[in-house]
Amino acid sequence: MKVYLNRIRHEDEYIIAICDEEILGQRFEEGERQIHITESFYKGELVSLEEGLRALERATIANIVGERIVTGALKAQIIHKNGVLRIQNIPHAQLVVTK
């Protein structure tokens, strides 16, 4: 179970873009909702689910896409189930930590 993890530092922010390995490069659309899992944003290191979750715990901003990583983030209580959207049955969540 691998996920792509892209870590981005911007001023005081620690931004994480993370997705399940098999959806990288795909586009999902449903009504007016759409998401494109671009390599330029999501492709970073290919890491274990556990390593991805550890990175999310330190994130100040995150984009999280895919069944495994979203389920893992829910179980770890990093995100809340009410914050998860599904586009073509692919779960997507965003995380913003306010200071």
PDB file of N, CA and C in Angstrom:
ATOM      1  N   MET A   1       0.835  -1.181   0.000  1.00  0.00           N
ATOM      2  CA  MET A   1       0.000   0.000   0.000  1.00  0.00           C
ATOM      3  C   MET A   1       0.876   1.237   0.000  1.00  0.00           C
ATOM      4  N   LYS A   2       1.058   1.821  -1.132  1.00  0.00           N
ATOM      5  CA  LYS A   2       1.917   3.002  -1.273  1.00  0.00           C
ATOM      6  C   LYS A   2       1.076   4.222  -1.642  1.00  0.00           C
ATOM      7  N   VAL A   3       1.592   5.372  -1.261  1.00  0.00           N
ATOM      8  CA  VAL A   3       0.975   6.647  -1.608  1.00  0.00           C
ATOM      9  C   VAL A   3       2.065   7.590  -2.104  1.00  0.00           C
ATOM     10  N   TYR A   4       1.659   8.508  -2.974  1.00  0.00           N
ATOM     11  CA  TYR A   4       2.584   9.556  -3.395  1.00  0.00           C
ATOM     12  C   TYR A   4       2.453  10.719  -2.420  1.00  0.00           C
ATOM     13  N   LEU A   5       3.585  11.189  -1.939  1.00  0.00           N
ATOM     14  CA  LEU A   5       3.650  12.243  -0.943  1.00  0.00           C
ATOM     15  C   LEU A   5       4.538  13.362  -1.461  1.00  0.00           C
ATOM     16  N   ASN A   6       3.952  14.537  -1.613  1.00  0.00           N
ATOM     17  CA  ASN A   6       4.714  15.714  -2.021  1.00  0.00           C
ATOM     18  C   ASN A   6       4.688  16.702  -0.863  1.00  0.00           C
ATOM     19  N   ARG A   7       5.868  17.028  -0.356  1.00  0.00           N
ATOM     20  CA  ARG A   7       6.014  17.979   0.751  1.00  0.00           C
ATOM     21  C   ARG A   7       6.444  19.325   0.183  1.00  0.00           C
ATOM     22  N   ILE A   8       5.743  20.366   0.581  1.00  0.00           N
ATOM     23  CA  ILE A   8       6.040  21.706   0.082  1.00  0.00           C
ATOM     24  C   ILE A   8       6.151  22.642   1.281  1.00  0.00           C
ATOM     25  N   ARG A   9       7.261  23.338   1.368  1.00  0.00           N
ATOM     26  CA  ARG A   9       7.444  24.360   2.406  1.00  0.00           C
ATOM     27  C   ARG A   9       7.216  25.715   1.757  1.00  0.00           C
ATOM     28  N   HIS A  10       6.352  26.527   2.362  1.00  0.00           N
ATOM     29  CA  HIS A  10       6.103  27.880   1.863  1.00  0.00           C
ATOM     30  C   HIS A  10       5.924  28.789   3.066  1.00  0.00           C
ATOM     31  N   GLU A  11       6.915  29.617   3.301  1.00  0.00           N
ATOM     32  CA  GLU A  11       6.941  30.489   4.470  1.00  0.00           C
ATOM     33  C   GLU A  11       6.704  29.645   5.725  1.00  0.00           C
ATOM     34  N   ASP A  12       5.640  29.909   6.478  1.00  0.00           N
ATOM     35  CA  ASP A  12       5.376  29.157   7.708  1.00  0.00           C
ATOM     36  C   ASP A  12       4.505  27.926   7.474  1.00  0.00           C
ATOM     37  N   GLU A  13       4.157  27.658   6.252  1.00  0.00           N
ATOM     38  CA  GLU A  13       3.244  26.546   5.950  1.00  0.00           C
ATOM     39  C   GLU A  13       4.015  25.285   5.574  1.00  0.00           C
ATOM     40  N   TYR A  14       3.469  24.159   6.012  1.00  0.00           N
ATOM     41  CA  TYR A  14       3.972  22.839   5.623  1.00  0.00           C
ATOM     42  C   TYR A  14       2.830  22.175   4.875  1.00  0.00           C
ATOM     43  N   ILE A  15       2.925  22.196   3.562  1.00  0.00           N
ATOM     44  CA  ILE A  15       1.847  21.749   2.679  1.00  0.00           C
ATOM     45  C   ILE A  15       2.123  20.325   2.220  1.00  0.00           C
ATOM     46  N   ILE A  16       1.095  19.496   2.294  1.00  0.00           N
ATOM     47  CA  ILE A  16       1.192  18.109   1.863  1.00  0.00           C
ATOM     48  C   ILE A  16       0.173  17.864   0.758  1.00  0.00           C
ATOM     49  N   ALA A  17       0.621  17.300  -0.343  1.00  0.00           N
ATOM     50  CA  ALA A  17      -0.257  16.779  -1.384  1.00  0.00           C
ATOM     51  C   ALA A  17      -0.018  15.276  -1.387  1.00  0.00           C
ATOM     52  N   ILE A  18      -1.069  14.504  -1.185  1.00  0.00           N
ATOM     53  CA  ILE A  18      -0.896  13.065  -1.023  1.00  0.00           C
ATOM     54  C   ILE A  18      -2.041  12.332  -1.703  1.00  0.00           C
ATOM     55  N   CYS A  19      -1.704  11.244  -2.406  1.00  0.00           N
ATOM     56  CA  CYS A  19      -2.725  10.463  -3.095  1.00  0.00           C
ATOM     57  C   CYS A  19      -2.323   9.000  -3.159  1.00  0.00           C
ATOM     58  N   ASP A  20      -3.328   8.146  -3.303  1.00  0.00           N
ATOM     59  CA  ASP A  20      -3.064   6.729  -3.524  1.00  0.00           C
ATOM     60  C   ASP A  20      -2.283   6.565  -4.826  1.00  0.00           C
ATOM     61  N   GLU A  21      -1.366   5.628  -4.827  1.00  0.00           N
ATOM     62  CA  GLU A  21      -0.448   5.428  -5.949  1.00  0.00           C
ATOM     63  C   GLU A  21      -1.161   5.271  -7.292  1.00  0.00           C
ATOM     64  N   GLU A  22      -2.223   4.478  -7.338  1.00  0.00           N
ATOM     65  CA  GLU A  22      -2.823   4.115  -8.624  1.00  0.00           C
ATOM     66  C   GLU A  22      -3.669   5.217  -9.264  1.00  0.00           C
ATOM     67  N   ILE A  23      -3.956   6.305  -8.544  1.00  0.00           N
ATOM     68  CA  ILE A  23      -4.781   7.353  -9.157  1.00  0.00           C
ATOM     69  C   ILE A  23      -3.967   8.546  -9.663  1.00  0.00           C
ATOM     70  N   LEU A  24      -2.663   8.510  -9.467  1.00  0.00           N
ATOM     71  CA  LEU A  24      -1.822   9.599  -9.960  1.00  0.00           C
ATOM     72  C   LEU A  24      -2.014   9.767 -11.468  1.00  0.00           C
ATOM     73  N   GLY A  25      -2.209  11.011 -11.889  1.00  0.00           N
ATOM     74  CA  GLY A  25      -2.369  11.313 -13.309  1.00  0.00           C
ATOM     75  C   GLY A  25      -3.801  11.213 -13.805  1.00  0.00           C
ATOM     76  N   GLN A  26      -4.723  10.768 -12.971  1.00  0.00           N
ATOM     77  CA  GLN A  26      -6.112  10.607 -13.403  1.00  0.00           C
ATOM     78  C   GLN A  26      -6.938  11.858 -13.122  1.00  0.00           C
ATOM     79  N   ARG A  27      -8.046  11.966 -13.837  1.00  0.00           N
ATOM     80  CA  ARG A  27      -8.998  13.070 -13.658  1.00  0.00           C
ATOM     81  C   ARG A  27     -10.351  12.452 -13.333  1.00  0.00           C
ATOM     82  N   PHE A  28     -11.024  13.054 -12.353  1.00  0.00           N
ATOM     83  CA  PHE A  28     -12.343  12.591 -11.950  1.00  0.00           C
ATOM     84  C   PHE A  28     -13.310  13.759 -12.015  1.00  0.00           C
ATOM     85  N   GLU A  29     -14.497  13.523 -12.592  1.00  0.00           N
ATOM     86  CA  GLU A  29     -15.507  14.561 -12.739  1.00  0.00           C
ATOM     87  C   GLU A  29     -16.869  13.987 -12.397  1.00  0.00           C
ATOM     88  N   GLU A  30     -17.664  14.808 -11.703  1.00  0.00           N
ATOM     89  CA  GLU A  30     -19.032  14.421 -11.370  1.00  0.00           C
ATOM     90  C   GLU A  30     -19.822  15.705 -11.189  1.00  0.00           C
ATOM     91  N   GLY A  31     -20.703  15.992 -12.127  1.00  0.00           N
ATOM     92  CA  GLY A  31     -21.422  17.259 -12.095  1.00  0.00           C
ATOM     93  C   GLY A  31     -20.433  18.400 -12.221  1.00  0.00           C
ATOM     94  N   GLU A  32     -20.529  19.348 -11.314  1.00  0.00           N
ATOM     95  CA  GLU A  32     -19.615  20.495 -11.342  1.00  0.00           C
ATOM     96  C   GLU A  32     -18.325  20.229 -10.583  1.00  0.00           C
ATOM     97  N   ARG A  33     -18.246  19.117  -9.880  1.00  0.00           N
ATOM     98  CA  ARG A  33     -17.035  18.778  -9.132  1.00  0.00           C
ATOM     99  C   ARG A  33     -16.044  18.053 -10.035  1.00  0.00           C
ATOM    100  N   GLN A  34     -14.793  18.442  -9.901  1.00  0.00           N
ATOM    101  CA  GLN A  34     -13.756  17.747 -10.656  1.00  0.00           C
ATOM    102  C   GLN A  34     -12.432  17.866  -9.918  1.00  0.00           C
ATOM    103  N   ILE A  35     -11.599  16.884 -10.126  1.00  0.00           N
ATOM    104  CA  ILE A  35     -10.253  16.918  -9.561  1.00  0.00           C
ATOM    105  C   ILE A  35      -9.324  16.190 -10.518  1.00  0.00           C
ATOM    106  N   HIS A  36      -8.160  16.783 -10.735  1.00  0.00           N
ATOM    107  CA  HIS A  36      -7.142  16.184 -11.591  1.00  0.00           C
ATOM    108  C   HIS A  36      -5.929  15.925 -10.702  1.00  0.00           C
ATOM    109  N   ILE A  37      -5.547  14.678 -10.598  1.00  0.00           N
ATOM    110  CA  ILE A  37      -4.445  14.281  -9.726  1.00  0.00           C
ATOM    111  C   ILE A  37      -3.154  14.405 -10.532  1.00  0.00           C
ATOM    112  N   THR A  38      -2.682  15.631 -10.671  1.00  0.00           N
ATOM    113  CA  THR A  38      -1.540  15.910 -11.543  1.00  0.00           C
ATOM    114  C   THR A  38      -0.220  15.461 -10.925  1.00  0.00           C
ATOM    115  N   GLU A  39       0.663  15.010 -11.782  1.00  0.00           N
ATOM    116  CA  GLU A  39       1.996  14.630 -11.323  1.00  0.00           C
ATOM    117  C   GLU A  39       2.752  15.841 -10.793  1.00  0.00           C
ATOM    118  N   SER A  40       2.518  16.998 -11.398  1.00  0.00           N
ATOM    119  CA  SER A  40       3.254  18.194 -10.978  1.00  0.00           C
ATOM    120  C   SER A  40       2.935  18.600  -9.540  1.00  0.00           C
ATOM    121  N   PHE A  41       1.760  18.247  -9.039  1.00  0.00           N
ATOM    122  CA  PHE A  41       1.397  18.613  -7.671  1.00  0.00           C
ATOM    123  C   PHE A  41       1.490  17.439  -6.699  1.00  0.00           C
ATOM    124  N   TYR A  42       1.037  16.281  -7.094  1.00  0.00           N
ATOM    125  CA  TYR A  42       0.946  15.143  -6.169  1.00  0.00           C
ATOM    126  C   TYR A  42       2.154  14.209  -6.183  1.00  0.00           C
ATOM    127  N   LYS A  43       2.883  14.160  -7.296  1.00  0.00           N
ATOM    128  CA  LYS A  43       3.969  13.185  -7.364  1.00  0.00           C
ATOM    129  C   LYS A  43       5.190  13.703  -6.625  1.00  0.00           C
ATOM    130  N   GLY A  44       5.479  13.021  -5.573  1.00  0.00           N
ATOM    131  CA  GLY A  44       6.681  13.285  -4.794  1.00  0.00           C
ATOM    132  C   GLY A  44       7.319  11.934  -4.567  1.00  0.00           C
ATOM    133  N   GLU A  45       7.527  11.614  -3.306  1.00  0.00           N
ATOM    134  CA  GLU A  45       8.073  10.300  -2.962  1.00  0.00           C
ATOM    135  C   GLU A  45       6.956   9.266  -2.912  1.00  0.00           C
ATOM    136  N   LEU A  46       7.275   8.051  -3.298  1.00  0.00           N
ATOM    137  CA  LEU A  46       6.362   6.928  -3.124  1.00  0.00           C
ATOM    138  C   LEU A  46       6.688   6.329  -1.763  1.00  0.00           C
ATOM    139  N   VAL A  47       5.751   6.452  -0.817  1.00  0.00           N
ATOM    140  CA  VAL A  47       6.004   6.056   0.570  1.00  0.00           C
ATOM    141  C   VAL A  47       4.907   5.123   1.068  1.00  0.00           C
ATOM    142  N   SER A  48       5.148   4.530   2.224  1.00  0.00           N
ATOM    143  CA  SER A  48       4.130   3.679   2.847  1.00  0.00           C
ATOM    144  C   SER A  48       2.978   4.544   3.337  1.00  0.00           C
ATOM    145  N   LEU A  49       1.837   3.923   3.532  1.00  0.00           N
ATOM    146  CA  LEU A  49       0.682   4.611   4.077  1.00  0.00           C
ATOM    147  C   LEU A  49       1.019   5.214   5.440  1.00  0.00           C
ATOM    148  N   GLU A  50       1.729   4.480   6.253  1.00  0.00           N
ATOM    149  CA  GLU A  50       2.085   4.944   7.590  1.00  0.00           C
ATOM    150  C   GLU A  50       2.957   6.205   7.529  1.00  0.00           C
ATOM    151  N   GLU A  51       3.928   6.233   6.626  1.00  0.00           N
ATOM    152  CA  GLU A  51       4.773   7.413   6.489  1.00  0.00           C
ATOM    153  C   GLU A  51       3.962   8.608   6.004  1.00  0.00           C
ATOM    154  N   GLY A  52       3.041   8.359   5.101  1.00  0.00           N
ATOM    155  CA  GLY A  52       2.155   9.421   4.621  1.00  0.00           C
ATOM    156  C   GLY A  52       1.308  10.002   5.738  1.00  0.00           C
ATOM    157  N   LEU A  53       0.788   9.139   6.594  1.00  0.00           N
ATOM    158  CA  LEU A  53      -0.020   9.610   7.725  1.00  0.00           C
ATOM    159  C   LEU A  53       0.815  10.418   8.712  1.00  0.00           C
ATOM    160  N   ARG A  54       2.053  10.014   8.939  1.00  0.00           N
ATOM    161  CA  ARG A  54       2.938  10.786   9.830  1.00  0.00           C
ATOM    162  C   ARG A  54       3.168  12.192   9.266  1.00  0.00           C
ATOM    163  N   ALA A  55       3.341  12.293   7.949  1.00  0.00           N
ATOM    164  CA  ALA A  55       3.523  13.606   7.324  1.00  0.00           C
ATOM    165  C   ALA A  55       2.263  14.456   7.470  1.00  0.00           C
ATOM    166  N   LEU A  56       1.096  13.835   7.306  1.00  0.00           N
ATOM    167  CA  LEU A  56      -0.164  14.571   7.442  1.00  0.00           C
ATOM    168  C   LEU A  56      -0.346  15.125   8.855  1.00  0.00           C
ATOM    169  N   GLU A  57       0.138  14.410   9.843  1.00  0.00           N
ATOM    170  CA  GLU A  57       0.001  14.871  11.227  1.00  0.00           C
ATOM    171  C   GLU A  57       0.743  16.179  11.471  1.00  0.00           C
ATOM    172  N   ARG A  58       1.755  16.468  10.661  1.00  0.00           N
ATOM    173  CA  ARG A  58       2.549  17.693  10.812  1.00  0.00           C
ATOM    174  C   ARG A  58       2.126  18.801   9.839  1.00  0.00           C
ATOM    175  N   ALA A  59       1.224  18.485   8.915  1.00  0.00           N
ATOM    176  CA  ALA A  59       0.833  19.439   7.877  1.00  0.00           C
ATOM    177  C   ALA A  59       0.026  20.600   8.434  1.00  0.00           C
ATOM    178  N   THR A  60       0.208  21.765   7.820  1.00  0.00           N
ATOM    179  CA  THR A  60      -0.662  22.900   8.111  1.00  0.00           C
ATOM    180  C   THR A  60      -1.738  23.036   7.035  1.00  0.00           C
ATOM    181  N   ILE A  61      -1.441  22.519   5.846  1.00  0.00           N
ATOM    182  CA  ILE A  61      -2.390  22.481   4.729  1.00  0.00           C
ATOM    183  C   ILE A  61      -2.180  21.154   4.021  1.00  0.00           C
ATOM    184  N   ALA A  62      -3.270  20.490   3.623  1.00  0.00           N
ATOM    185  CA  ALA A  62      -3.111  19.220   2.905  1.00  0.00           C
ATOM    186  C   ALA A  62      -4.245  18.998   1.918  1.00  0.00           C
ATOM    187  N   ASN A  63      -3.900  18.372   0.806  1.00  0.00           N
ATOM    188  CA  ASN A  63      -4.847  17.837  -0.165  1.00  0.00           C
ATOM    189  C   ASN A  63      -4.661  16.333  -0.135  1.00  0.00           C
ATOM    190  N   ILE A  64      -5.743  15.606   0.118  1.00  0.00           N
ATOM    191  CA  ILE A  64      -5.686  14.171   0.371  1.00  0.00           C
ATOM    192  C   ILE A  64      -6.677  13.490  -0.567  1.00  0.00           C
ATOM    193  N   VAL A  65      -6.193  12.571  -1.424  1.00  0.00           N
ATOM    194  CA  VAL A  65      -7.080  11.950  -2.402  1.00  0.00           C
ATOM    195  C   VAL A  65      -6.812  10.454  -2.496  1.00  0.00           C
ATOM    196  N   GLY A  66      -7.879   9.674  -2.433  1.00  0.00           N
ATOM    197  CA  GLY A  66      -7.772   8.227  -2.610  1.00  0.00           C
ATOM    198  C   GLY A  66      -8.347   7.476  -1.424  1.00  0.00           C
ATOM    199  N   GLU A  67      -8.850   6.295  -1.704  1.00  0.00           N
ATOM    200  CA  GLU A  67      -9.527   5.490  -0.690  1.00  0.00           C
ATOM    201  C   GLU A  67      -8.617   5.158   0.492  1.00  0.00           C
ATOM    202  N   ARG A  68      -7.408   4.680   0.226  1.00  0.00           N
ATOM    203  CA  ARG A  68      -6.528   4.245   1.322  1.00  0.00           C
ATOM    204  C   ARG A  68      -6.071   5.403   2.203  1.00  0.00           C
ATOM    205  N   ILE A  69      -5.594   6.477   1.586  1.00  0.00           N
ATOM    206  CA  ILE A  69      -5.053   7.570   2.385  1.00  0.00           C
ATOM    207  C   ILE A  69      -6.158   8.321   3.116  1.00  0.00           C
ATOM    208  N   VAL A  70      -7.312   8.502   2.507  1.00  0.00           N
ATOM    209  CA  VAL A  70      -8.415   9.178   3.196  1.00  0.00           C
ATOM    210  C   VAL A  70      -8.928   8.306   4.340  1.00  0.00           C
ATOM    211  N   THR A  71      -9.090   7.006   4.109  1.00  0.00           N
ATOM    212  CA  THR A  71      -9.518   6.099   5.181  1.00  0.00           C
ATOM    213  C   THR A  71      -8.512   6.104   6.324  1.00  0.00           C
ATOM    214  N   GLY A  72      -7.227   6.074   6.003  1.00  0.00           N
ATOM    215  CA  GLY A  72      -6.190   6.124   7.025  1.00  0.00           C
ATOM    216  C   GLY A  72      -6.237   7.419   7.818  1.00  0.00           C
ATOM    217  N   ALA A  73      -6.447   8.551   7.131  1.00  0.00           N
ATOM    218  CA  ALA A  73      -6.518   9.848   7.807  1.00  0.00           C
ATOM    219  C   ALA A  73      -7.750   9.942   8.699  1.00  0.00           C
ATOM    220  N   LEU A  74      -8.842   9.324   8.277  1.00  0.00           N
ATOM    221  CA  LEU A  74     -10.037   9.275   9.119  1.00  0.00           C
ATOM    222  C   LEU A  74      -9.779   8.448  10.379  1.00  0.00           C
ATOM    223  N   LYS A  75      -9.213   7.265  10.203  1.00  0.00           N
ATOM    224  CA  LYS A  75      -8.933   6.383  11.348  1.00  0.00           C
ATOM    225  C   LYS A  75      -7.961   7.031  12.329  1.00  0.00           C
ATOM    226  N   ALA A  76      -6.997   7.803  11.809  1.00  0.00           N
ATOM    227  CA  ALA A  76      -6.011   8.482  12.651  1.00  0.00           C
ATOM    228  C   ALA A  76      -6.552   9.800  13.224  1.00  0.00           C
ATOM    229  N   GLN A  77      -7.793  10.124  12.881  1.00  0.00           N
ATOM    230  CA  GLN A  77      -8.468  11.345  13.331  1.00  0.00           C
ATOM    231  C   GLN A  77      -7.731  12.616  12.906  1.00  0.00           C
ATOM    232  N   ILE A  78      -7.126  12.549  11.727  1.00  0.00           N
ATOM    233  CA  ILE A  78      -6.474  13.723  11.142  1.00  0.00           C
ATOM    234  C   ILE A  78      -7.514  14.592  10.446  1.00  0.00           C
ATOM    235  N   ILE A  79      -8.518  13.940   9.859  1.00  0.00           N
ATOM    236  CA  ILE A  79      -9.631  14.621   9.198  1.00  0.00           C
ATOM    237  C   ILE A  79     -10.932  14.074   9.758  1.00  0.00           C
ATOM    238  N   HIS A  80     -12.033  14.767   9.490  1.00  0.00           N
ATOM    239  CA  HIS A  80     -13.358  14.352   9.947  1.00  0.00           C
ATOM    240  C   HIS A  80     -14.164  13.869   8.741  1.00  0.00           C
ATOM    241  N   LYS A  81     -15.017  12.883   8.967  1.00  0.00           N
ATOM    242  CA  LYS A  81     -15.802  12.299   7.865  1.00  0.00           C
ATOM    243  C   LYS A  81     -16.671  13.323   7.153  1.00  0.00           C
ATOM    244  N   ASN A  82     -17.109  14.379   7.852  1.00  0.00           N
ATOM    245  CA  ASN A  82     -17.942  15.401   7.210  1.00  0.00           C
ATOM    246  C   ASN A  82     -17.150  16.268   6.232  1.00  0.00           C
ATOM    247  N   GLY A  83     -15.832  16.181   6.285  1.00  0.00           N
ATOM    248  CA  GLY A  83     -14.994  16.964   5.385  1.00  0.00           C
ATOM    249  C   GLY A  83     -14.562  16.210   4.141  1.00  0.00           C
ATOM    250  N   VAL A  84     -15.120  15.015   3.928  1.00  0.00           N
ATOM    251  CA  VAL A  84     -14.724  14.186   2.784  1.00  0.00           C
ATOM    252  C   VAL A  84     -15.770  14.309   1.682  1.00  0.00           C
ATOM    253  N   LEU A  85     -15.317  14.665   0.488  1.00  0.00           N
ATOM    254  CA  LEU A  85     -16.157  14.695  -0.709  1.00  0.00           C
ATOM    255  C   LEU A  85     -15.824  13.480  -1.557  1.00  0.00           C
ATOM    256  N   ARG A  86     -16.774  13.031  -2.330  1.00  0.00           N
ATOM    257  CA  ARG A  86     -16.514  11.947  -3.277  1.00  0.00           C
ATOM    258  C   ARG A  86     -16.817  12.448  -4.676  1.00  0.00           C
ATOM    259  N   ILE A  87     -15.878  12.204  -5.554  1.00  0.00           N
ATOM    260  CA  ILE A  87     -16.031  12.540  -6.968  1.00  0.00           C
ATOM    261  C   ILE A  87     -15.803  11.250  -7.731  1.00  0.00           C
ATOM    262  N   GLN A  88     -16.811  10.767  -8.417  1.00  0.00           N
ATOM    263  CA  GLN A  88     -16.768   9.448  -9.070  1.00  0.00           C
ATOM    264  C   GLN A  88     -16.332   8.382  -8.063  1.00  0.00           C
ATOM    265  N   ASN A  89     -16.844   8.492  -6.855  1.00  0.00           N
ATOM    266  CA  ASN A  89     -16.585   7.580  -5.744  1.00  0.00           C
ATOM    267  C   ASN A  89     -15.138   7.601  -5.244  1.00  0.00           C
ATOM    268  N   ILE A  90     -14.360   8.589  -5.656  1.00  0.00           N
ATOM    269  CA  ILE A  90     -12.987   8.758  -5.153  1.00  0.00           C
ATOM    270  C   ILE A  90     -13.038   9.799  -4.039  1.00  0.00           C
ATOM    271  N   PRO A  91     -12.620   9.435  -2.819  1.00  0.00           N
ATOM    272  CA  PRO A  91     -12.677  10.396  -1.724  1.00  0.00           C
ATOM    273  C   PRO A  91     -11.573  11.449  -1.810  1.00  0.00           C
ATOM    274  N   HIS A  92     -11.946  12.667  -1.424  1.00  0.00           N
ATOM    275  CA  HIS A  92     -11.031  13.799  -1.429  1.00  0.00           C
ATOM    276  C   HIS A  92     -11.302  14.633  -0.192  1.00  0.00           C
ATOM    277  N   ALA A  93     -10.252  15.029   0.487  1.00  0.00           N
ATOM    278  CA  ALA A  93     -10.385  15.902   1.643  1.00  0.00           C
ATOM    279  C   ALA A  93      -9.281  16.947   1.625  1.00  0.00           C
ATOM    280  N   GLN A  94      -9.577  18.077   2.212  1.00  0.00           N
ATOM    281  CA  GLN A  94      -8.575  19.116   2.388  1.00  0.00           C
ATOM    282  C   GLN A  94      -8.448  19.404   3.871  1.00  0.00           C
ATOM    283  N   LEU A  95      -7.280  19.763   4.273  1.00  0.00           N
ATOM    284  CA  LEU A  95      -6.985  20.041   5.672  1.00  0.00           C
ATOM    285  C   LEU A  95      -6.330  21.412   5.762  1.00  0.00           C
ATOM    286  N   VAL A  96      -6.843  22.253   6.646  1.00  0.00           N
ATOM    287  CA  VAL A  96      -6.220  23.540   6.931  1.00  0.00           C
ATOM    288  C   VAL A  96      -6.184  23.676   8.445  1.00  0.00           C
ATOM    289  N   VAL A  97      -4.999  23.831   8.976  1.00  0.00           N
ATOM    290  CA  VAL A  97      -4.822  24.001  10.416  1.00  0.00           C
ATOM    291  C   VAL A  97      -4.702  25.496  10.683  1.00  0.00           C
ATOM    292  N   THR A  98      -5.608  26.012  11.494  1.00  0.00           N
ATOM    293  CA  THR A  98      -5.560  27.433  11.809  1.00  0.00           C
ATOM    294  C   THR A  98      -4.699  27.642  13.047  1.00  0.00           C
ATOM    295  N   LYS A  99      -4.050  28.764  13.054  1.00  0.00           N
ATOM    296  CA  LYS A  99      -3.124  29.061  14.155  1.00  0.00           C
ATOM    297  C   LYS A  99      -3.761  29.960  15.179  1.00  0.00           C
TER     298      LYS A  99
END
